Amino acid sequence: MTQPLPHPPSPCTNLCVVDPDSDLCAGCLRTLDEIAMWSGMTSEEKFRVLDWVSARRAAREETKRPPLE
């Protein structure tokens, strides 16, 4: 029998401000639904959200880069 995955820590950074353009928390880059449901999610669901957060962070960093000349 396989052991369940341990729950990952919350990505919360205590900078809880929702960006009205993206509807994402400026600190952790989660949606309000993801934040509200976090405590009831399975480990697998939490890891999926963390993957989405990583993708959002990478996309945000990409838009901050100056254009190549």
PDB file of N, CA and C in Angstrom:
ATOM      1  N   MET A   1       0.852  -1.181   0.000  1.00  0.00           N
ATOM      2  CA  MET A   1       0.000   0.000   0.000  1.00  0.00           C
ATOM      3  C   MET A   1       0.898   1.243   0.000  1.00  0.00           C
ATOM      4  N   THR A   2       0.594   2.181  -0.878  1.00  0.00           N
ATOM      5  CA  THR A   2       1.386   3.404  -0.935  1.00  0.00           C
ATOM      6  C   THR A   2       0.945   4.385   0.143  1.00  0.00           C
ATOM      7  N   GLN A   3       1.921   5.093   0.651  1.00  0.00           N
ATOM      8  CA  GLN A   3       1.656   6.105   1.666  1.00  0.00           C
ATOM      9  C   GLN A   3       1.112   7.367   0.995  1.00  0.00           C
ATOM     10  N   PRO A   4       0.161   8.039   1.634  1.00  0.00           N
ATOM     11  CA  PRO A   4      -0.322   9.305   1.061  1.00  0.00           C
ATOM     12  C   PRO A   4       0.777  10.356   1.093  1.00  0.00           C
ATOM     13  N   LEU A   5       0.719  11.259   0.134  1.00  0.00           N
ATOM     14  CA  LEU A   5       1.682  12.353   0.104  1.00  0.00           C
ATOM     15  C   LEU A   5       1.487  13.253   1.313  1.00  0.00           C
ATOM     16  N   PRO A   6       2.584  13.770   1.880  1.00  0.00           N
ATOM     17  CA  PRO A   6       2.417  14.740   2.957  1.00  0.00           C
ATOM     18  C   PRO A   6       1.860  16.042   2.385  1.00  0.00           C
ATOM     19  N   HIS A   7       1.154  16.775   3.207  1.00  0.00           N
ATOM     20  CA  HIS A   7       0.602  18.051   2.756  1.00  0.00           C
ATOM     21  C   HIS A   7       1.723  19.072   2.625  1.00  0.00           C
ATOM     22  N   PRO A   8       1.789  19.769   1.487  1.00  0.00           N
ATOM     23  CA  PRO A   8       2.802  20.811   1.343  1.00  0.00           C
ATOM     24  C   PRO A   8       2.406  22.032   2.163  1.00  0.00           C
ATOM     25  N   PRO A   9       3.377  22.876   2.504  1.00  0.00           N
ATOM     26  CA  PRO A   9       3.040  24.102   3.236  1.00  0.00           C
ATOM     27  C   PRO A   9       2.280  25.067   2.334  1.00  0.00           C
ATOM     28  N   SER A  10       1.498  25.896   2.949  1.00  0.00           N
ATOM     29  CA  SER A  10       0.764  26.918   2.213  1.00  0.00           C
ATOM     30  C   SER A  10       1.741  27.905   1.580  1.00  0.00           C
ATOM     31  N   PRO A  11       1.454  28.366   0.361  1.00  0.00           N
ATOM     32  CA  PRO A  11       2.318  29.361  -0.267  1.00  0.00           C
ATOM     33  C   PRO A  11       2.053  30.783   0.226  1.00  0.00           C
ATOM     34  N   CYS A  12       1.182  30.940   1.205  1.00  0.00           N
ATOM     35  CA  CYS A  12       0.821  32.261   1.715  1.00  0.00           C
ATOM     36  C   CYS A  12       2.067  33.016   2.180  1.00  0.00           C
ATOM     37  N   THR A  13       2.164  34.281   1.783  1.00  0.00           N
ATOM     38  CA  THR A  13       3.291  35.136   2.175  1.00  0.00           C
ATOM     39  C   THR A  13       2.847  36.254   3.111  1.00  0.00           C
ATOM     40  N   ASN A  14       1.586  36.215   3.528  1.00  0.00           N
ATOM     41  CA  ASN A  14       0.987  37.249   4.378  1.00  0.00           C
ATOM     42  C   ASN A  14       0.962  38.622   3.717  1.00  0.00           C
ATOM     43  N   LEU A  15       0.945  38.633   2.395  1.00  0.00           N
ATOM     44  CA  LEU A  15       0.750  39.848   1.613  1.00  0.00           C
ATOM     45  C   LEU A  15      -0.566  39.618   0.865  1.00  0.00           C
ATOM     46  N   CYS A  16      -1.656  39.773   1.575  1.00  0.00           N
ATOM     47  CA  CYS A  16      -2.972  39.371   1.077  1.00  0.00           C
ATOM     48  C   CYS A  16      -3.703  40.539   0.425  1.00  0.00           C
ATOM     49  N   VAL A  17      -3.390  40.760  -0.838  1.00  0.00           N
ATOM     50  CA  VAL A  17      -4.021  41.810  -1.628  1.00  0.00           C
ATOM     51  C   VAL A  17      -4.374  41.196  -2.970  1.00  0.00           C
ATOM     52  N   VAL A  18      -5.635  41.267  -3.347  1.00  0.00           N
ATOM     53  CA  VAL A  18      -6.056  40.685  -4.619  1.00  0.00           C
ATOM     54  C   VAL A  18      -5.930  41.727  -5.720  1.00  0.00           C
ATOM     55  N   ASP A  19      -5.206  41.357  -6.765  1.00  0.00           N
ATOM     56  CA  ASP A  19      -5.044  42.207  -7.940  1.00  0.00           C
ATOM     57  C   ASP A  19      -6.350  42.169  -8.717  1.00  0.00           C
ATOM     58  N   PRO A  20      -7.002  43.331  -8.919  1.00  0.00           N
ATOM     59  CA  PRO A  20      -8.301  43.335  -9.597  1.00  0.00           C
ATOM     60  C   PRO A  20      -8.224  42.935 -11.066  1.00  0.00           C
ATOM     61  N   ASP A  21      -7.066  43.074 -11.687  1.00  0.00           N
ATOM     62  CA  ASP A  21      -6.935  42.692 -13.096  1.00  0.00           C
ATOM     63  C   ASP A  21      -6.808  41.188 -13.283  1.00  0.00           C
ATOM     64  N   SER A  22      -6.057  40.543 -12.399  1.00  0.00           N
ATOM     65  CA  SER A  22      -5.832  39.100 -12.546  1.00  0.00           C
ATOM     66  C   SER A  22      -6.687  38.258 -11.611  1.00  0.00           C
ATOM     67  N   ASP A  23      -7.280  38.872 -10.588  1.00  0.00           N
ATOM     68  CA  ASP A  23      -8.019  38.150  -9.537  1.00  0.00           C
ATOM     69  C   ASP A  23      -7.132  37.168  -8.785  1.00  0.00           C
ATOM     70  N   LEU A  24      -5.825  37.466  -8.730  1.00  0.00           N
ATOM     71  CA  LEU A  24      -4.881  36.645  -7.983  1.00  0.00           C
ATOM     72  C   LEU A  24      -4.356  37.425  -6.791  1.00  0.00           C
ATOM     73  N   CYS A  25      -4.060  36.719  -5.716  1.00  0.00           N
ATOM     74  CA  CYS A  25      -3.425  37.343  -4.565  1.00  0.00           C
ATOM     75  C   CYS A  25      -2.030  37.790  -4.991  1.00  0.00           C
ATOM     76  N   ALA A  26      -1.674  39.021  -4.676  1.00  0.00           N
ATOM     77  CA  ALA A  26      -0.369  39.557  -5.058  1.00  0.00           C
ATOM     78  C   ALA A  26       0.769  38.838  -4.344  1.00  0.00           C
ATOM     79  N   GLY A  27       0.498  38.271  -3.184  1.00  0.00           N
ATOM     80  CA  GLY A  27       1.543  37.589  -2.425  1.00  0.00           C
ATOM     81  C   GLY A  27       1.779  36.160  -2.854  1.00  0.00           C
ATOM     82  N   CYS A  28       0.727  35.357  -2.912  1.00  0.00           N
ATOM     83  CA  CYS A  28       0.900  33.922  -3.175  1.00  0.00           C
ATOM     84  C   CYS A  28       0.471  33.497  -4.579  1.00  0.00           C
ATOM     85  N   LEU A  29      -0.140  34.401  -5.329  1.00  0.00           N
ATOM     86  CA  LEU A  29      -0.588  34.139  -6.703  1.00  0.00           C
ATOM     87  C   LEU A  29      -1.649  33.042  -6.805  1.00  0.00           C
ATOM     88  N   ARG A  30      -2.445  32.897  -5.747  1.00  0.00           N
ATOM     89  CA  ARG A  30      -3.582  31.977  -5.812  1.00  0.00           C
ATOM     90  C   ARG A  30      -4.860  32.777  -6.026  1.00  0.00           C
ATOM     91  N   THR A  31      -5.878  32.108  -6.553  1.00  0.00           N
ATOM     92  CA  THR A  31      -7.194  32.724  -6.670  1.00  0.00           C
ATOM     93  C   THR A  31      -7.864  32.698  -5.302  1.00  0.00           C
ATOM     94  N   LEU A  32      -8.922  33.483  -5.157  1.00  0.00           N
ATOM     95  CA  LEU A  32      -9.659  33.454  -3.891  1.00  0.00           C
ATOM     96  C   LEU A  32     -10.236  32.068  -3.623  1.00  0.00           C
ATOM     97  N   ASP A  33     -10.720  31.383  -4.665  1.00  0.00           N
ATOM     98  CA  ASP A  33     -11.239  30.026  -4.482  1.00  0.00           C
ATOM     99  C   ASP A  33     -10.148  29.076  -4.000  1.00  0.00           C
ATOM    100  N   GLU A  34      -8.955  29.177  -4.583  1.00  0.00           N
ATOM    101  CA  GLU A  34      -7.851  28.309  -4.159  1.00  0.00           C
ATOM    102  C   GLU A  34      -7.469  28.580  -2.713  1.00  0.00           C
ATOM    103  N   ILE A  35      -7.466  29.845  -2.323  1.00  0.00           N
ATOM    104  CA  ILE A  35      -7.154  30.195  -0.933  1.00  0.00           C
ATOM    105  C   ILE A  35      -8.224  29.649   0.006  1.00  0.00           C
ATOM    106  N   ALA A  36      -9.485  29.852  -0.344  1.00  0.00           N
ATOM    107  CA  ALA A  36     -10.593  29.427   0.517  1.00  0.00           C
ATOM    108  C   ALA A  36     -10.650  27.909   0.664  1.00  0.00           C
ATOM    109  N   MET A  37     -10.309  27.174  -0.381  1.00  0.00           N
ATOM    110  CA  MET A  37     -10.431  25.715  -0.361  1.00  0.00           C
ATOM    111  C   MET A  37      -9.166  25.016   0.128  1.00  0.00           C
ATOM    112  N   TRP A  38      -8.074  25.755   0.321  1.00  0.00           N
ATOM    113  CA  TRP A  38      -6.773  25.150   0.637  1.00  0.00           C
ATOM    114  C   TRP A  38      -6.850  24.160   1.803  1.00  0.00           C
ATOM    115  N   SER A  39      -7.451  24.539   2.892  1.00  0.00           N
ATOM    116  CA  SER A  39      -7.437  23.671   4.085  1.00  0.00           C
ATOM    117  C   SER A  39      -8.196  22.367   3.874  1.00  0.00           C
ATOM    118  N   GLY A  40      -9.120  22.334   2.929  1.00  0.00           N
ATOM    119  CA  GLY A  40      -9.877  21.116   2.675  1.00  0.00           C
ATOM    120  C   GLY A  40      -9.365  20.295   1.502  1.00  0.00           C
ATOM    121  N   MET A  41      -8.309  20.755   0.854  1.00  0.00           N
ATOM    122  CA  MET A  41      -7.765  20.052  -0.307  1.00  0.00           C
ATOM    123  C   MET A  41      -6.934  18.847   0.110  1.00  0.00           C
ATOM    124  N   THR A  42      -6.890  17.875  -0.781  1.00  0.00           N
ATOM    125  CA  THR A  42      -5.989  16.745  -0.592  1.00  0.00           C
ATOM    126  C   THR A  42      -4.567  17.205  -0.928  1.00  0.00           C
ATOM    127  N   SER A  43      -3.596  16.393  -0.580  1.00  0.00           N
ATOM    128  CA  SER A  43      -2.208  16.706  -0.920  1.00  0.00           C
ATOM    129  C   SER A  43      -2.045  16.871  -2.429  1.00  0.00           C
ATOM    130  N   GLU A  44      -2.661  15.972  -3.179  1.00  0.00           N
ATOM    131  CA  GLU A  44      -2.547  16.026  -4.631  1.00  0.00           C
ATOM    132  C   GLU A  44      -3.112  17.336  -5.181  1.00  0.00           C
ATOM    133  N   GLU A  45      -4.245  17.774  -4.639  1.00  0.00           N
ATOM    134  CA  GLU A  45      -4.843  19.036  -5.082  1.00  0.00           C
ATOM    135  C   GLU A  45      -3.939  20.220  -4.733  1.00  0.00           C
ATOM    136  N   LYS A  46      -3.354  20.180  -3.542  1.00  0.00           N
ATOM    137  CA  LYS A  46      -2.465  21.265  -3.132  1.00  0.00           C
ATOM    138  C   LYS A  46      -1.228  21.328  -4.034  1.00  0.00           C
ATOM    139  N   PHE A  47      -0.664  20.169  -4.357  1.00  0.00           N
ATOM    140  CA  PHE A  47       0.496  20.163  -5.249  1.00  0.00           C
ATOM    141  C   PHE A  47       0.114  20.676  -6.643  1.00  0.00           C
ATOM    142  N   ARG A  48      -1.084  20.375  -7.092  1.00  0.00           N
ATOM    143  CA  ARG A  48      -1.556  20.892  -8.378  1.00  0.00           C
ATOM    144  C   ARG A  48      -1.642  22.420  -8.333  1.00  0.00           C
ATOM    145  N   VAL A  49      -2.201  22.960  -7.256  1.00  0.00           N
ATOM    146  CA  VAL A  49      -2.287  24.419  -7.105  1.00  0.00           C
ATOM    147  C   VAL A  49      -0.879  25.022  -7.072  1.00  0.00           C
ATOM    148  N   LEU A  50       0.037  24.373  -6.371  1.00  0.00           N
ATOM    149  CA  LEU A  50       1.409  24.881  -6.319  1.00  0.00           C
ATOM    150  C   LEU A  50       2.061  24.876  -7.703  1.00  0.00           C
ATOM    151  N   ASP A  51       1.730  23.888  -8.533  1.00  0.00           N
ATOM    152  CA  ASP A  51       2.220  23.880  -9.918  1.00  0.00           C
ATOM    153  C   ASP A  51       1.667  25.082 -10.676  1.00  0.00           C
ATOM    154  N   TRP A  52       0.376  25.361 -10.486  1.00  0.00           N
ATOM    155  CA  TRP A  52      -0.233  26.518 -11.152  1.00  0.00           C
ATOM    156  C   TRP A  52       0.412  27.811 -10.670  1.00  0.00           C
ATOM    157  N   VAL A  53       0.668  27.897  -9.358  1.00  0.00           N
ATOM    158  CA  VAL A  53       1.315  29.088  -8.787  1.00  0.00           C
ATOM    159  C   VAL A  53       2.696  29.277  -9.424  1.00  0.00           C
ATOM    160  N   SER A  54       3.442  28.193  -9.565  1.00  0.00           N
ATOM    161  CA  SER A  54       4.769  28.284 -10.189  1.00  0.00           C
ATOM    162  C   SER A  54       4.664  28.778 -11.623  1.00  0.00           C
ATOM    163  N   ALA A  55       3.685  28.283 -12.358  1.00  0.00           N
ATOM    164  CA  ALA A  55       3.487  28.724 -13.743  1.00  0.00           C
ATOM    165  C   ALA A  55       3.088  30.197 -13.786  1.00  0.00           C
ATOM    166  N   ARG A  56       2.240  30.618 -12.874  1.00  0.00           N
ATOM    167  CA  ARG A  56       1.834  32.031 -12.816  1.00  0.00           C
ATOM    168  C   ARG A  56       3.024  32.926 -12.489  1.00  0.00           C
ATOM    169  N   ARG A  57       3.862  32.461 -11.548  1.00  0.00           N
ATOM    170  CA  ARG A  57       5.035  33.245 -11.168  1.00  0.00           C
ATOM    171  C   ARG A  57       5.992  33.367 -12.361  1.00  0.00           C
ATOM    172  N   ALA A  58       6.201  32.282 -13.086  1.00  0.00           N
ATOM    173  CA  ALA A  58       7.086  32.311 -14.253  1.00  0.00           C
ATOM    174  C   ALA A  58       6.527  33.250 -15.324  1.00  0.00           C
ATOM    175  N   ALA A  59       5.219  33.201 -15.540  1.00  0.00           N
ATOM    176  CA  ALA A  59       4.599  34.081 -16.534  1.00  0.00           C
ATOM    177  C   ALA A  59       4.724  35.538 -16.115  1.00  0.00           C
ATOM    178  N   ARG A  60       4.564  35.799 -14.832  1.00  0.00           N
ATOM    179  CA  ARG A  60       4.686  37.168 -14.330  1.00  0.00           C
ATOM    180  C   ARG A  60       6.114  37.674 -14.499  1.00  0.00           C
ATOM    181  N   GLU A  61       7.090  36.836 -14.197  1.00  0.00           N
ATOM    182  CA  GLU A  61       8.491  37.227 -14.360  1.00  0.00           C
ATOM    183  C   GLU A  61       8.825  37.463 -15.830  1.00  0.00           C
ATOM    184  N   GLU A  62       8.249  36.675 -16.692  1.00  0.00           N
ATOM    185  CA  GLU A  62       8.492  36.831 -18.136  1.00  0.00           C
ATOM    186  C   GLU A  62       8.007  38.187 -18.630  1.00  0.00           C
ATOM    187  N   THR A  63       6.889  38.653 -18.112  1.00  0.00           N
ATOM    188  CA  THR A  63       6.354  39.944 -18.557  1.00  0.00           C
ATOM    189  C   THR A  63       7.144  41.114 -17.972  1.00  0.00           C
ATOM    190  N   LYS A  64       7.924  40.882 -16.920  1.00  0.00           N
ATOM    191  CA  LYS A  64       8.726  41.937 -16.313  1.00  0.00           C
ATOM    192  C   LYS A  64      10.063  42.151 -17.030  1.00  0.00           C
ATOM    193  N   ARG A  65      10.471  41.177 -17.840  1.00  0.00           N
ATOM    194  CA  ARG A  65      11.758  41.276 -18.501  1.00  0.00           C
ATOM    195  C   ARG A  65      11.720  42.356 -19.572  1.00  0.00           C
ATOM    196  N   PRO A  66      12.820  43.113 -19.698  1.00  0.00           N
ATOM    197  CA  PRO A  66      12.854  44.123 -20.761  1.00  0.00           C
ATOM    198  C   PRO A  66      12.931  43.431 -22.123  1.00  0.00           C
ATOM    199  N   PRO A  67      12.387  44.053 -23.154  1.00  0.00           N
ATOM    200  CA  PRO A  67      12.426  43.430 -24.477  1.00  0.00           C
ATOM    201  C   PRO A  67      13.857  43.317 -24.985  1.00  0.00           C
ATOM    202  N   LEU A  68      14.099  42.274 -25.767  1.00  0.00           N
ATOM    203  CA  LEU A  68      15.418  42.087 -26.371  1.00  0.00           C
ATOM    204  C   LEU A  68      15.569  43.074 -27.526  1.00  0.00           C
ATOM    205  N   GLU A  69      16.751  43.611 -27.664  1.00  0.00           N
ATOM    206  CA  GLU A  69      16.996  44.569 -28.760  1.00  0.00           C
ATOM    207  C   GLU A  69      17.819  43.951 -29.838  1.00  0.00           C
TER     208      GLU A  69
END
